[in-house]
């Protein structure tokens, strides 16, 4: 076993909740209103920033009061959507848009934030 071999005590559970949004402040925001407002916040900030990561990050920070690092995860996702899924998302939150975002941007959002976003997070860029 690991402890006998290495002398180290492994963590009791491996958690994916090691992201930038797992601190108590960001978790309170996410649970209270952030998850419910996720789609509208991401779409609004996507429109306002036109995919610019810094502007999107500041927009998301202003929307709910997320920490800089947590808001940065959302800003990066908006930027990713603009860079990798613009053509599929320009017409709205279609199945093709959602599929593109889920394949290209959602994994990084989960890894960065430690959150599992609500399904279909397509950011509409119209």
Foldseek 3Di string as FASTA:
>chain_A
DCCVVPVDDDDPDDALLPAPQNDPVSVVQCVPPCLVCVQVQLQVLLQVVVLDLVSQLVSSCVVRVGDSQLSSLSSVLSNQLNVFPQVVQQVHLDPSQQVRSVVGRQVSSCNHNVDRHDGRNRHHHD
